[in-house]
Protein backbone atom coordinates (compact mmCIF):
# COMPACT_ATOMS: atom_id res chain seq x y z
CA MET A 1 0.06 0.08 0.24
CA LYS A 2 2.89 2.34 1.25
CA THR A 3 4.61 1.83 -2.58
CA ARG A 4 1.27 2.30 -4.53
CA ILE A 5 0.54 5.70 -2.41
CA ILE A 6 4.06 6.69 -2.89
CA THR A 7 3.86 6.32 -6.70
CA SER A 8 0.63 7.83 -7.03
CA VAL A 9 1.83 10.97 -5.49
CA VAL A 10 4.94 10.83 -7.67
CA ALA A 11 2.87 10.40 -10.82
CA ILE A 12 0.12 13.10 -10.17
CA ALA A 13 3.23 15.27 -9.21
CA VAL A 14 4.38 14.90 -12.75
CA PHE A 15 1.37 14.57 -14.80
CA VAL A 16 -0.87 17.38 -13.73
CA PRO A 17 1.98 20.02 -14.50
CA PHE A 18 2.71 18.52 -17.74
CA CYS A 19 -1.01 18.62 -18.89
CA ILE A 20 -1.13 22.34 -17.84
CA PHE A 21 2.10 23.26 -19.45
CA SER A 22 2.17 21.29 -22.55
CA LYS A 23 -0.03 23.18 -25.07
CA GLU A 24 2.87 24.43 -26.50
CA PRO A 25 5.14 23.54 -28.06
CA TRP A 26 2.21 21.01 -29.64
CA PHE A 27 4.65 17.88 -30.18
CA LEU A 28 5.05 17.39 -26.28
CA PHE A 29 1.31 16.16 -26.05
CA VAL A 30 1.69 13.79 -29.13
CA ILE A 31 4.67 12.26 -27.70
CA PHE A 32 3.07 11.77 -24.34
CA CYS A 33 -0.09 9.88 -26.41
CA GLU A 34 2.66 8.03 -28.56
CA ILE A 35 4.50 6.80 -25.50
CA VAL A 36 1.14 5.66 -23.80
CA ALA A 37 0.06 3.81 -26.99
CA LEU A 38 3.39 1.85 -27.96
CA LEU A 39 3.86 1.00 -24.43
CA GLY A 40 0.42 -0.05 -23.93
CA THR A 41 0.89 -2.10 -27.02
CA TYR A 42 4.15 -4.03 -26.22
CA GLU A 43 2.69 -4.66 -23.12
CA MET A 44 -0.42 -6.45 -24.33
CA LEU A 45 1.62 -8.13 -26.91
CA LYS A 46 3.58 -9.60 -24.09
CA CYS A 47 1.21 -10.75 -22.37
CA ILE A 48 -0.53 -12.54 -25.54
CA GLY A 49 2.92 -13.91 -26.12
CA LEU A 50 3.68 -12.22 -29.67
CA HIS A 51 6.40 -9.69 -28.45
CA LYS A 52 9.06 -11.47 -29.96
CA SER A 53 7.45 -12.09 -33.05
CA VAL A 54 9.43 -10.10 -35.61
CA PHE A 55 6.58 -9.56 -38.36
CA ILE A 56 4.23 -9.06 -35.51
CA SER A 57 6.59 -6.00 -34.22
CA VAL A 58 7.12 -4.73 -37.45
CA ILE A 59 3.67 -4.53 -38.55
CA SER A 60 2.13 -3.35 -35.10
CA TYR A 61 4.52 -0.24 -33.77
CA PRO A 62 4.34 1.73 -37.10
CA ALA A 63 0.78 1.24 -36.97
CA VAL A 64 0.16 2.91 -33.56
CA PHE A 65 3.18 5.34 -34.38
CA ALA A 66 1.05 6.29 -37.82
CA CYS A 67 -2.41 6.12 -36.23
CA VAL A 68 -1.57 8.74 -33.24
CA LEU A 69 0.45 11.24 -35.20
CA MET A 70 -1.55 11.40 -38.03
CA THR A 71 -4.70 12.48 -35.47
CA ARG A 72 -2.57 15.26 -34.89
CA LEU A 73 -1.39 16.49 -38.12
CA VAL A 74 -4.20 15.80 -40.42
CA ALA A 75 -6.95 15.34 -38.51
CA THR A 76 -8.96 17.72 -40.20
CA CYS A 77 -8.58 16.64 -43.60
CA GLY A 78 -11.53 14.24 -44.65
CA GLU A 79 -9.40 11.29 -45.50
CA TYR A 80 -8.08 11.08 -41.92
CA PHE A 81 -11.03 8.44 -41.03
CA LEU A 82 -10.01 6.67 -44.21
CA GLY A 83 -6.80 6.52 -43.86
CA VAL A 84 -6.81 4.98 -40.44
CA SER A 85 -9.35 2.36 -41.24
CA PHE A 86 -6.96 0.92 -43.75
CA ILE A 87 -4.41 1.17 -41.35
CA CYS A 88 -6.37 -0.96 -38.90
CA PHE A 89 -8.06 -3.48 -41.73
CA THR A 90 -3.91 -4.03 -43.04
CA LEU A 91 -2.81 -4.46 -39.57
CA ILE A 92 -5.82 -7.07 -39.17
CA PHE A 93 -4.94 -8.71 -42.19
CA LEU A 94 -1.41 -8.91 -41.84
CA SER A 95 -1.77 -10.17 -38.24
CA VAL A 96 -4.01 -13.12 -39.43
CA SER A 97 -1.53 -13.54 -42.32
CA ALA A 98 1.13 -14.12 -40.05
CA SER A 99 -0.70 -16.80 -38.11
CA THR A 100 -1.20 -18.41 -41.18
CA PHE A 101 2.31 -18.88 -42.33
CA SER A 102 3.70 -19.49 -39.24
CA LYS A 103 3.22 -23.18 -39.11
CA GLY A 104 1.17 -23.15 -35.89
CA ARG A 105 3.88 -20.89 -33.97
CA ILE A 106 1.05 -18.15 -33.91
CA SER A 107 -2.13 -19.16 -33.30
CA VAL A 108 -5.13 -17.61 -35.15
CA LYS A 109 -6.79 -16.26 -31.38
CA ASP A 110 -3.63 -14.57 -30.36
CA ALA A 111 -3.25 -12.91 -33.86
CA ALA A 112 -6.87 -11.85 -33.87
CA VAL A 113 -6.76 -10.65 -29.82
CA GLY A 114 -3.28 -9.08 -30.77
CA ALA A 115 -4.49 -7.22 -33.60
CA VAL A 116 -7.73 -6.06 -32.15
CA MET A 117 -6.31 -4.60 -28.97
CA THR A 118 -3.34 -2.89 -30.51
CA ILE A 119 -6.18 -1.11 -32.75
CA TYR A 120 -7.95 -0.17 -29.44
CA ILE A 121 -4.84 1.11 -27.55
CA SER A 122 -3.90 3.37 -30.63
CA PHE A 123 -7.70 4.53 -31.36
CA SER A 124 -8.00 5.48 -27.49
CA ALA A 125 -4.78 7.30 -27.39
CA SER A 126 -5.86 9.14 -30.68
CA CYS A 127 -9.12 9.92 -28.99
CA ILE A 128 -7.25 12.18 -26.46
CA LEU A 129 -5.73 14.00 -28.86
CA LEU A 130 -9.15 14.78 -31.07
CA LEU A 131 -10.80 15.62 -27.73
CA ARG A 132 -7.78 18.35 -26.78
CA ASP A 133 -7.95 19.87 -30.05
CA MET A 134 -11.60 20.08 -30.01
CA GLU A 135 -13.17 23.73 -31.10
CA LEU A 136 -16.07 25.04 -30.09
CA PHE A 137 -18.81 24.36 -32.82
CA GLY A 138 -20.66 27.34 -34.41
CA ALA A 139 -18.35 30.17 -32.35
CA PRO A 140 -17.18 33.25 -34.65
CA GLU A 141 -13.75 32.78 -33.67
CA GLN A 142 -11.73 29.50 -32.87
CA ILE A 143 -12.04 28.65 -29.38
CA ASN A 144 -10.24 25.13 -28.01
CA VAL A 145 -12.98 23.80 -25.65
CA GLY A 146 -11.18 20.69 -25.73
CA ALA A 147 -8.34 22.46 -23.63
CA TYR A 148 -10.90 22.15 -20.71
CA LEU A 149 -12.72 18.98 -21.71
CA TYR A 150 -10.04 16.33 -22.22
CA LEU A 151 -8.90 16.06 -18.72
CA LEU A 152 -12.02 14.80 -17.81
CA VAL A 153 -11.17 11.54 -19.77
CA PHE A 154 -9.15 11.12 -16.51
CA VAL A 155 -10.94 12.42 -14.16
CA PHE A 156 -13.75 9.77 -15.32
CA ALA A 157 -11.36 6.96 -15.54
CA TRP A 158 -9.51 7.43 -12.52
CA LEU A 159 -12.00 8.74 -9.89
CA PRO A 160 -14.35 5.51 -10.18
CA ASP A 161 -11.57 3.03 -9.39
CA ILE A 162 -9.64 5.42 -6.84
CA GLY A 163 -13.66 5.62 -5.24
CA GLY A 164 -14.53 2.14 -5.99
CA TYR A 165 -11.53 0.92 -3.97
CA PHE A 166 -11.92 3.08 -0.62
CA VAL A 167 -15.95 2.37 -0.51
CA GLY A 168 -15.20 -1.37 -1.58
CA MET A 169 -12.78 -1.56 1.06
CA ALA A 170 -15.37 0.07 3.48
CA PHE A 171 -18.61 -1.41 2.47
CA GLY A 172 -18.04 -4.14 -0.17
CA LYS A 173 -20.23 -7.45 0.40
CA HIS A 174 -21.58 -8.42 -2.88
CA LYS A 175 -18.96 -9.81 -5.52
CA LEU A 176 -19.63 -7.62 -8.77
CA ILE A 177 -17.45 -10.15 -11.16
CA PRO A 178 -15.40 -12.27 -9.17
CA ASP A 179 -14.14 -14.53 -11.83
CA VAL A 180 -12.56 -11.59 -13.70
CA SER A 181 -11.74 -9.51 -10.71
CA PRO A 182 -12.14 -10.75 -6.95
CA LYS A 183 -11.54 -7.47 -5.75
CA LYS A 184 -14.43 -5.42 -7.32
CA THR A 185 -17.48 -5.18 -5.39
CA VAL A 186 -21.39 -3.87 -6.40
CA GLU A 187 -21.11 -1.04 -3.39
CA GLY A 188 -17.48 -0.44 -4.94
CA PHE A 189 -18.77 0.21 -8.59
CA PHE A 190 -21.56 2.81 -7.01
CA GLY A 191 -19.42 4.42 -5.01
CA GLY A 192 -16.64 4.73 -8.00
CA ILE A 193 -19.58 6.49 -9.79
CA ILE A 194 -20.82 8.94 -6.99
CA PHE A 195 -16.84 9.85 -6.87
CA SER A 196 -16.76 10.39 -10.43
CA LEU A 197 -20.12 12.80 -10.66
CA VAL A 198 -18.79 14.95 -7.49
CA ALA A 199 -15.30 15.13 -9.19
CA SER A 200 -16.83 16.59 -11.99
CA VAL A 201 -18.96 18.90 -10.16
CA VAL A 202 -15.97 20.20 -8.71
CA TYR A 203 -14.04 20.38 -11.91
CA SER A 204 -16.38 22.23 -13.48
CA PHE A 205 -16.51 25.07 -11.12
CA VAL A 206 -12.45 25.26 -10.88
CA ILE A 207 -12.80 25.51 -15.01
CA GLY A 208 -15.19 28.61 -14.69
CA PHE A 209 -18.03 26.18 -16.31
CA ARG A 210 -21.01 28.34 -16.21
CA SER A 211 -24.68 27.48 -17.03
CA ASP A 212 -27.74 29.34 -16.13
CA ASP A 213 -30.11 26.85 -15.57
CA ILE A 214 -29.75 22.99 -14.23
CA ALA A 215 -29.90 21.39 -17.81
CA GLY A 216 -25.97 22.39 -18.34
CA PHE A 217 -25.43 20.59 -15.03
CA PHE A 218 -27.75 17.53 -15.57
CA VAL A 219 -25.93 16.88 -19.14
CA PHE A 220 -22.71 17.10 -17.45
CA ALA A 221 -23.79 14.81 -14.69
CA LEU A 222 -25.28 12.16 -16.88
CA LEU A 223 -21.90 12.14 -18.91
CA SER A 224 -19.63 11.83 -15.84
CA ILE A 225 -22.19 9.06 -15.09
CA VAL A 226 -22.14 7.28 -18.26
CA CYS A 227 -18.24 7.58 -18.43
CA ALA A 228 -17.93 6.23 -14.98
CA VAL A 229 -19.72 3.17 -15.97
CA VAL A 230 -17.53 2.72 -19.10
CA SER A 231 -14.40 3.10 -17.08
CA VAL A 232 -15.44 0.01 -14.83
CA PHE A 233 -16.12 -2.10 -17.88
CA GLY A 234 -12.52 -1.04 -19.24
CA ASP A 235 -10.76 -1.94 -16.02
CA LEU A 236 -12.84 -5.47 -16.07
CA ILE A 237 -11.96 -5.62 -19.95
CA PHE A 238 -8.03 -5.72 -19.51
CA SER A 239 -8.37 -7.83 -16.16
CA LEU A 240 -9.90 -10.40 -18.31
CA ILE A 241 -7.42 -10.58 -20.65
CA LYS A 242 -4.84 -10.84 -18.06
CA ARG A 243 -6.81 -13.62 -16.41
CA GLN A 244 -7.18 -15.48 -19.74
CA TYR A 245 -3.25 -15.27 -20.56
CA GLY A 246 -2.59 -16.05 -16.65
CA ILE A 247 -0.26 -13.02 -15.89
CA LYS A 248 -0.53 -10.66 -12.71
CA ASP A 249 0.36 -6.89 -14.02
CA TYR A 250 0.87 -6.05 -18.22
CA GLY A 251 4.51 -4.61 -16.62
CA PHE A 252 6.22 -2.85 -13.63
CA ILE A 253 6.67 0.86 -14.88
CA PHE A 254 4.66 2.04 -11.82
CA PRO A 255 5.91 0.17 -9.04
CA GLY A 256 3.03 -1.13 -6.80
CA HIS A 257 0.65 -0.47 -9.66
CA GLY A 258 2.03 -2.42 -12.53
CA GLY A 259 2.35 -1.75 -16.17
CA ILE A 260 0.68 1.24 -18.47
CA LEU A 261 -1.93 -0.86 -19.22
CA ASP A 262 -2.97 -1.66 -15.89
CA ARG A 263 -2.95 2.02 -15.02
CA PHE A 264 -4.04 3.56 -18.27
CA ASP A 265 -6.93 0.46 -18.77
CA SER A 266 -9.88 2.74 -17.84
CA VAL A 267 -8.76 5.74 -19.92
CA LEU A 268 -8.35 3.91 -22.98
CA ALA A 269 -11.77 2.63 -22.50
CA VAL A 270 -13.27 6.07 -21.50
CA ALA A 271 -11.31 8.09 -24.23
CA PRO A 272 -13.48 7.38 -27.31
CA PHE A 273 -17.07 7.60 -25.54
CA PHE A 274 -16.10 10.72 -23.78
CA TYR A 275 -14.82 12.10 -27.39
CA MET A 276 -17.96 10.69 -29.29
CA LEU A 277 -20.08 12.32 -26.86
CA SER A 278 -18.70 15.48 -26.60
CA TYR A 279 -18.35 15.98 -30.24
CA CYS A 280 -22.30 15.17 -30.11
CA LEU A 281 -22.75 17.56 -27.19
CA ASN A 282 -20.59 20.41 -29.07
CA HIS A 283 -22.77 20.28 -32.41
CA ALA A 284 -25.37 20.57 -30.37
CA GLY A 285 -24.75 23.52 -28.91
CA LEU A 286 -24.74 22.32 -25.34
CA LEU A 287 -20.58 23.00 -24.63
CA ALA A 288 -20.64 26.57 -25.15
CA ASP A 289 -20.70 26.92 -21.14
CA PHE A 290 -17.02 25.81 -21.47
CA ALA A 291 -15.98 28.70 -23.80
CA GLY A 292 -14.80 30.71 -20.71
């Protein structure tokens, strides 16, 4: 526990200032997302047992790097999603082809899981960048509303985990899915959602969120609840994969916590959902209160 707390304090002390001061130069946050995506991909391939396959490595890491970089450089182009879709299809095609010609050394299951999770990780990291660069729709001038929103990805991902842990420790009696995650409880699940809701409201006041009626806060609260549930599901997905392949942690970068995927599993789940929901709310004119 002591190691986990020390690691958390150090990580927060580094991560928060980085997010605040990494807007310029633009490539700093891109590098951060690239590191998360590439290390996450390595940990996943290692979990599956494909990290030593030269062919899988040659097709996976460049695909991840290209997806994240394209998000920052050409996301405004109409061909962006076509290009990303082609990269994803090619990765799946070549991964399964590698299994076909491996003479049994690479199973179809491992190849498919590796390709799908590589896409999952890289697309999720890309969504953080897309959200951070989001401009306020319909504004007469460019207003980077995403600069206020993207940190909520981490709030919605980590607060349910933290809240669920403490509430579960204090009141947990009913196991949520013991075969996948023995320590998670139903009480912790709902406690985590409440933690996320409270934290999101506090964050809205910190950044100066304005709303003349209850509708804005209602939408904001609903958004936090949806993302908190997605966060728990994302955690469970990666826990299931670990159990399927018989490992305890994906890595050891964070002492007491594990690897990148052990800490960013919920973030990678929340990012695409939060981006798409924010995109829809933005075009519906419901994000104007974040503009100042």
